Amino acid sequence: MKAQSYRVEGTFQMDGKWRPYNKLVSAPNEAQARERIYTLLGSKHRLKRREIRVAKVEAQVEGE
C-alpha cells in the first residue's frame, strides 16, 4: 500500500490552554494519519491522547 500525504488540523492542551496545530504527515490511510499525530505530538510535547484533539484530516493532492 502506497503512503499518501495528509494534512491534519486540531488543538492540543499545554499549560492549561488549547493551542492549534497544523501538520503534514505521510500515512497509508486517515486512521493511520491520526495515529501518527498522537505519536508525534505525544512524544514531542509529552501529551496524553486526551490532551490532543483532531479536528480535520484531509488527503493532500500532489503539487499542493
PDB file of N, CA and C in Angstrom:
ATOM      1  N   MET A   1       0.845  -1.187   0.000  1.00  0.00           N
ATOM      2  CA  MET A   1       0.000   0.000   0.000  1.00  0.00           C
ATOM      3  C   MET A   1       0.889   1.250   0.000  1.00  0.00           C
ATOM      4  N   LYS A   2       0.581   2.178  -0.869  1.00  0.00           N
ATOM      5  CA  LYS A   2       1.375   3.389  -1.013  1.00  0.00           C
ATOM      6  C   LYS A   2       0.968   4.448   0.023  1.00  0.00           C
ATOM      7  N   ALA A   3       1.973   5.074   0.625  1.00  0.00           N
ATOM      8  CA  ALA A   3       1.699   6.134   1.605  1.00  0.00           C
ATOM      9  C   ALA A   3       1.252   7.399   0.880  1.00  0.00           C
ATOM     10  N   GLN A   4       0.362   8.113   1.515  1.00  0.00           N
ATOM     11  CA  GLN A   4      -0.189   9.340   0.971  1.00  0.00           C
ATOM     12  C   GLN A   4       0.050  10.448   1.997  1.00  0.00           C
ATOM     13  N   SER A   5       0.061  11.680   1.570  1.00  0.00           N
ATOM     14  CA  SER A   5       0.221  12.801   2.496  1.00  0.00           C
ATOM     15  C   SER A   5      -1.139  13.273   2.983  1.00  0.00           C
ATOM     16  N   TYR A   6      -1.213  13.554   4.279  1.00  0.00           N
ATOM     17  CA  TYR A   6      -2.444  14.053   4.897  1.00  0.00           C
ATOM     18  C   TYR A   6      -2.133  15.305   5.696  1.00  0.00           C
ATOM     19  N   ARG A   7      -2.998  16.297   5.579  1.00  0.00           N
ATOM     20  CA  ARG A   7      -2.902  17.493   6.413  1.00  0.00           C
ATOM     21  C   ARG A   7      -3.871  17.304   7.570  1.00  0.00           C
ATOM     22  N   VAL A   8      -3.322  17.388   8.790  1.00  0.00           N
ATOM     23  CA  VAL A   8      -4.118  17.157   9.997  1.00  0.00           C
ATOM     24  C   VAL A   8      -4.133  18.446  10.805  1.00  0.00           C
ATOM     25  N   GLU A   9      -5.337  18.889  11.178  1.00  0.00           N
ATOM     26  CA  GLU A   9      -5.511  20.114  11.955  1.00  0.00           C
ATOM     27  C   GLU A   9      -6.262  19.796  13.235  1.00  0.00           C
ATOM     28  N   GLY A  10      -5.975  20.568  14.273  1.00  0.00           N
ATOM     29  CA  GLY A  10      -6.664  20.390  15.542  1.00  0.00           C
ATOM     30  C   GLY A  10      -6.035  21.247  16.622  1.00  0.00           C
ATOM     31  N   THR A  11      -6.231  20.824  17.874  1.00  0.00           N
ATOM     32  CA  THR A  11      -5.684  21.549  19.016  1.00  0.00           C
ATOM     33  C   THR A  11      -5.082  20.556  20.005  1.00  0.00           C
ATOM     34  N   PHE A  12      -4.156  21.060  20.820  1.00  0.00           N
ATOM     35  CA  PHE A  12      -3.636  20.263  21.916  1.00  0.00           C
ATOM     36  C   PHE A  12      -3.525  21.141  23.150  1.00  0.00           C
ATOM     37  N   GLN A  13      -3.624  20.523  24.312  1.00  0.00           N
ATOM     38  CA  GLN A  13      -3.633  21.263  25.565  1.00  0.00           C
ATOM     39  C   GLN A  13      -2.218  21.298  26.149  1.00  0.00           C
ATOM     40  N   MET A  14      -1.745  22.529  26.402  1.00  0.00           N
ATOM     41  CA  MET A  14      -0.440  22.709  27.021  1.00  0.00           C
ATOM     42  C   MET A  14      -0.535  23.890  27.980  1.00  0.00           C
ATOM     43  N   ASP A  15      -0.086  23.694  29.186  1.00  0.00           N
ATOM     44  CA  ASP A  15      -0.134  24.734  30.215  1.00  0.00           C
ATOM     45  C   ASP A  15      -1.552  25.241  30.452  1.00  0.00           C
ATOM     46  N   GLY A  16      -2.530  24.354  30.363  1.00  0.00           N
ATOM     47  CA  GLY A  16      -3.921  24.714  30.630  1.00  0.00           C
ATOM     48  C   GLY A  16      -4.626  25.439  29.499  1.00  0.00           C
ATOM     49  N   LYS A  17      -3.948  25.626  28.362  1.00  0.00           N
ATOM     50  CA  LYS A  17      -4.552  26.309  27.211  1.00  0.00           C
ATOM     51  C   LYS A  17      -4.557  25.373  26.012  1.00  0.00           C
ATOM     52  N   TRP A  18      -5.598  25.485  25.183  1.00  0.00           N
ATOM     53  CA  TRP A  18      -5.678  24.704  23.954  1.00  0.00           C
ATOM     54  C   TRP A  18      -4.988  25.482  22.848  1.00  0.00           C
ATOM     55  N   ARG A  19      -3.967  24.876  22.248  1.00  0.00           N
ATOM     56  CA  ARG A  19      -3.179  25.526  21.201  1.00  0.00           C
ATOM     57  C   ARG A  19      -3.405  24.818  19.868  1.00  0.00           C
ATOM     58  N   PRO A  20      -3.513  25.574  18.783  1.00  0.00           N
ATOM     59  CA  PRO A  20      -3.766  24.955  17.475  1.00  0.00           C
ATOM     60  C   PRO A  20      -2.498  24.329  16.884  1.00  0.00           C
ATOM     61  N   TYR A  21      -2.688  23.334  16.036  1.00  0.00           N
ATOM     62  CA  TYR A  21      -1.593  22.763  15.265  1.00  0.00           C
ATOM     63  C   TYR A  21      -2.093  22.442  13.863  1.00  0.00           C
ATOM     64  N   ASN A  22      -1.148  22.330  12.949  1.00  0.00           N
ATOM     65  CA  ASN A  22      -1.422  22.033  11.554  1.00  0.00           C
ATOM     66  C   ASN A  22      -0.208  21.257  11.047  1.00  0.00           C
ATOM     67  N   LYS A  23      -0.353  19.965  10.828  1.00  0.00           N
ATOM     68  CA  LYS A  23       0.777  19.109  10.459  1.00  0.00           C
ATOM     69  C   LYS A  23       0.499  18.363   9.163  1.00  0.00           C
ATOM     70  N   LEU A  24       1.557  18.102   8.423  1.00  0.00           N
ATOM     71  CA  LEU A  24       1.502  17.285   7.225  1.00  0.00           C
ATOM     72  C   LEU A  24       2.217  15.974   7.547  1.00  0.00           C
ATOM     73  N   VAL A  25       1.506  14.847   7.438  1.00  0.00           N
ATOM     74  CA  VAL A  25       2.090  13.541   7.746  1.00  0.00           C
ATOM     75  C   VAL A  25       1.892  12.587   6.576  1.00  0.00           C
ATOM     76  N   SER A  26       2.767  11.600   6.496  1.00  0.00           N
ATOM     77  CA  SER A  26       2.673  10.568   5.474  1.00  0.00           C
ATOM     78  C   SER A  26       2.110   9.307   6.121  1.00  0.00           C
ATOM     79  N   ALA A  27       1.042   8.759   5.544  1.00  0.00           N
ATOM     80  CA  ALA A  27       0.388   7.570   6.094  1.00  0.00           C
ATOM     81  C   ALA A  27      -0.403   6.864   4.993  1.00  0.00           C
ATOM     82  N   PRO A  28      -0.671   5.563   5.169  1.00  0.00           N
ATOM     83  CA  PRO A  28      -1.434   4.843   4.144  1.00  0.00           C
ATOM     84  C   PRO A  28      -2.926   5.161   4.135  1.00  0.00           C
ATOM     85  N   ASN A  29      -3.478   5.654   5.276  1.00  0.00           N
ATOM     86  CA  ASN A  29      -4.897   6.000   5.321  1.00  0.00           C
ATOM     87  C   ASN A  29      -5.148   7.038   6.436  1.00  0.00           C
ATOM     88  N   GLU A  30      -6.385   7.528   6.525  1.00  0.00           N
ATOM     89  CA  GLU A  30      -6.716   8.581   7.504  1.00  0.00           C
ATOM     90  C   GLU A  30      -6.544   8.124   8.944  1.00  0.00           C
ATOM     91  N   ALA A  31      -6.905   6.894   9.235  1.00  0.00           N
ATOM     92  CA  ALA A  31      -6.779   6.384  10.604  1.00  0.00           C
ATOM     93  C   ALA A  31      -5.319   6.361  11.045  1.00  0.00           C
ATOM     94  N   GLN A  32      -4.438   5.956  10.150  1.00  0.00           N
ATOM     95  CA  GLN A  32      -3.018   5.938  10.478  1.00  0.00           C
ATOM     96  C   GLN A  32      -2.451   7.356  10.584  1.00  0.00           C
ATOM     97  N   ALA A  33      -2.997   8.289   9.826  1.00  0.00           N
ATOM     98  CA  ALA A  33      -2.570   9.686   9.932  1.00  0.00           C
ATOM     99  C   ALA A  33      -2.902  10.229  11.318  1.00  0.00           C
ATOM    100  N   ARG A  34      -4.092   9.901  11.835  1.00  0.00           N
ATOM    101  CA  ARG A  34      -4.473  10.302  13.198  1.00  0.00           C
ATOM    102  C   ARG A  34      -3.508   9.702  14.224  1.00  0.00           C
ATOM    103  N   GLU A  35      -3.191   8.425  14.056  1.00  0.00           N
ATOM    104  CA  GLU A  35      -2.275   7.755  14.984  1.00  0.00           C
ATOM    105  C   GLU A  35      -0.892   8.400  14.963  1.00  0.00           C
ATOM    106  N   ARG A  36      -0.439   8.794  13.782  1.00  0.00           N
ATOM    107  CA  ARG A  36       0.868   9.454  13.681  1.00  0.00           C
ATOM    108  C   ARG A  36       0.866  10.787  14.429  1.00  0.00           C
ATOM    109  N   ILE A  37      -0.246  11.517  14.375  1.00  0.00           N
ATOM    110  CA  ILE A  37      -0.351  12.785  15.096  1.00  0.00           C
ATOM    111  C   ILE A  37      -0.268  12.543  16.597  1.00  0.00           C
ATOM    112  N   TYR A  38      -1.005  11.547  17.093  1.00  0.00           N
ATOM    113  CA  TYR A  38      -0.933  11.219  18.519  1.00  0.00           C
ATOM    114  C   TYR A  38       0.507  10.871  18.914  1.00  0.00           C
ATOM    115  N   THR A  39       1.178  10.116  18.068  1.00  0.00           N
ATOM    116  CA  THR A  39       2.555   9.708  18.346  1.00  0.00           C
ATOM    117  C   THR A  39       3.510  10.901  18.320  1.00  0.00           C
ATOM    118  N   LEU A  40       3.418  11.713  17.280  1.00  0.00           N
ATOM    119  CA  LEU A  40       4.337  12.855  17.136  1.00  0.00           C
ATOM    120  C   LEU A  40       4.154  13.893  18.239  1.00  0.00           C
ATOM    121  N   LEU A  41       2.911  14.326  18.443  1.00  0.00           N
ATOM    122  CA  LEU A  41       2.662  15.353  19.463  1.00  0.00           C
ATOM    123  C   LEU A  41       2.886  14.809  20.872  1.00  0.00           C
ATOM    124  N   GLY A  42       2.513  13.556  21.075  1.00  0.00           N
ATOM    125  CA  GLY A  42       2.701  12.950  22.392  1.00  0.00           C
ATOM    126  C   GLY A  42       4.162  12.852  22.773  1.00  0.00           C
ATOM    127  N   SER A  43       5.010  12.462  21.847  1.00  0.00           N
ATOM    128  CA  SER A  43       6.429  12.320  22.162  1.00  0.00           C
ATOM    129  C   SER A  43       7.145  13.671  22.235  1.00  0.00           C
ATOM    130  N   LYS A  44       6.767  14.586  21.369  1.00  0.00           N
ATOM    131  CA  LYS A  44       7.442  15.891  21.357  1.00  0.00           C
ATOM    132  C   LYS A  44       7.063  16.762  22.553  1.00  0.00           C
ATOM    133  N   HIS A  45       5.779  16.766  22.919  1.00  0.00           N
ATOM    134  CA  HIS A  45       5.291  17.656  23.976  1.00  0.00           C
ATOM    135  C   HIS A  45       4.869  16.916  25.252  1.00  0.00           C
ATOM    136  N   ARG A  46       5.088  15.584  25.276  1.00  0.00           N
ATOM    137  CA  ARG A  46       4.718  14.774  26.455  1.00  0.00           C
ATOM    138  C   ARG A  46       3.229  14.885  26.780  1.00  0.00           C
ATOM    139  N   LEU A  47       2.394  14.686  25.755  1.00  0.00           N
ATOM    140  CA  LEU A  47       0.944  14.800  25.908  1.00  0.00           C
ATOM    141  C   LEU A  47       0.296  13.422  25.911  1.00  0.00           C
ATOM    142  N   LYS A  48      -0.809  13.324  26.588  1.00  0.00           N
ATOM    143  CA  LYS A  48      -1.635  12.126  26.551  1.00  0.00           C
ATOM    144  C   LYS A  48      -2.642  12.285  25.406  1.00  0.00           C
ATOM    145  N   ARG A  49      -3.235  11.186  24.964  1.00  0.00           N
ATOM    146  CA  ARG A  49      -4.205  11.237  23.863  1.00  0.00           C
ATOM    147  C   ARG A  49      -5.390  12.144  24.186  1.00  0.00           C
ATOM    148  N   ARG A  50      -5.814  12.161  25.424  1.00  0.00           N
ATOM    149  CA  ARG A  50      -6.967  13.004  25.789  1.00  0.00           C
ATOM    150  C   ARG A  50      -6.635  14.495  25.711  1.00  0.00           C
ATOM    151  N   GLU A  51      -5.355  14.838  25.612  1.00  0.00           N
ATOM    152  CA  GLU A  51      -4.931  16.231  25.506  1.00  0.00           C
ATOM    153  C   GLU A  51      -4.729  16.671  24.055  1.00  0.00           C
ATOM    154  N   ILE A  52      -5.026  15.781  23.116  1.00  0.00           N
ATOM    155  CA  ILE A  52      -4.869  16.072  21.691  1.00  0.00           C
ATOM    156  C   ILE A  52      -6.224  15.894  21.014  1.00  0.00           C
ATOM    157  N   ARG A  53      -6.667  16.915  20.300  1.00  0.00           N
ATOM    158  CA  ARG A  53      -7.924  16.849  19.543  1.00  0.00           C
ATOM    159  C   ARG A  53      -7.619  16.988  18.058  1.00  0.00           C
ATOM    160  N   VAL A  54      -8.168  16.090  17.267  1.00  0.00           N
ATOM    161  CA  VAL A  54      -8.018  16.145  15.821  1.00  0.00           C
ATOM    162  C   VAL A  54      -9.330  16.682  15.253  1.00  0.00           C
ATOM    163  N   ALA A  55      -9.273  17.827  14.600  1.00  0.00           N
ATOM    164  CA  ALA A  55     -10.475  18.445  14.047  1.00  0.00           C
ATOM    165  C   ALA A  55     -10.720  18.023  12.599  1.00  0.00           C
ATOM    166  N   LYS A  56      -9.635  17.893  11.822  1.00  0.00           N
ATOM    167  CA  LYS A  56      -9.805  17.626  10.385  1.00  0.00           C
ATOM    168  C   LYS A  56      -8.606  16.857   9.851  1.00  0.00           C
ATOM    169  N   VAL A  57      -8.872  15.871   8.998  1.00  0.00           N
ATOM    170  CA  VAL A  57      -7.835  15.126   8.296  1.00  0.00           C
ATOM    171  C   VAL A  57      -8.184  15.171   6.814  1.00  0.00           C
ATOM    172  N   GLU A  58      -7.283  15.746   6.013  1.00  0.00           N
ATOM    173  CA  GLU A  58      -7.527  15.876   4.571  1.00  0.00           C
ATOM    174  C   GLU A  58      -6.390  15.256   3.790  1.00  0.00           C
ATOM    175  N   ALA A  59      -6.719  14.486   2.760  1.00  0.00           N
ATOM    176  CA  ALA A  59      -5.693  13.941   1.863  1.00  0.00           C
ATOM    177  C   ALA A  59      -5.166  15.080   1.006  1.00  0.00           C
ATOM    178  N   GLN A  60      -3.853  15.138   0.863  1.00  0.00           N
ATOM    179  CA  GLN A  60      -3.222  16.167   0.043  1.00  0.00           C
ATOM    180  C   GLN A  60      -2.992  15.632  -1.359  1.00  0.00           C
ATOM    181  N   VAL A  61      -3.286  16.435  -2.334  1.00  0.00           N
ATOM    182  CA  VAL A  61      -3.057  16.083  -3.739  1.00  0.00           C
ATOM    183  C   VAL A  61      -1.635  16.492  -4.095  1.00  0.00           C
ATOM    184  N   GLU A  62      -0.982  15.691  -4.943  1.00  0.00           N
ATOM    185  CA  GLU A  62       0.377  16.014  -5.373  1.00  0.00           C
ATOM    186  C   GLU A  62       0.439  17.435  -5.921  1.00  0.00           C
ATOM    187  N   GLY A  63       1.440  18.187  -5.507  1.00  0.00           N
ATOM    188  CA  GLY A  63       1.624  19.537  -6.006  1.00  0.00           C
ATOM    189  C   GLY A  63       1.028  20.616  -5.121  1.00  0.00           C
ATOM    190  N   GLU A  64       0.374  20.276  -4.037  1.00  0.00           N
ATOM    191  CA  GLU A  64      -0.220  21.297  -3.148  1.00  0.00           C
ATOM    192  C   GLU A  64       0.795  21.722  -2.120  1.00  0.00           C
TER     193      GLU A  64
END
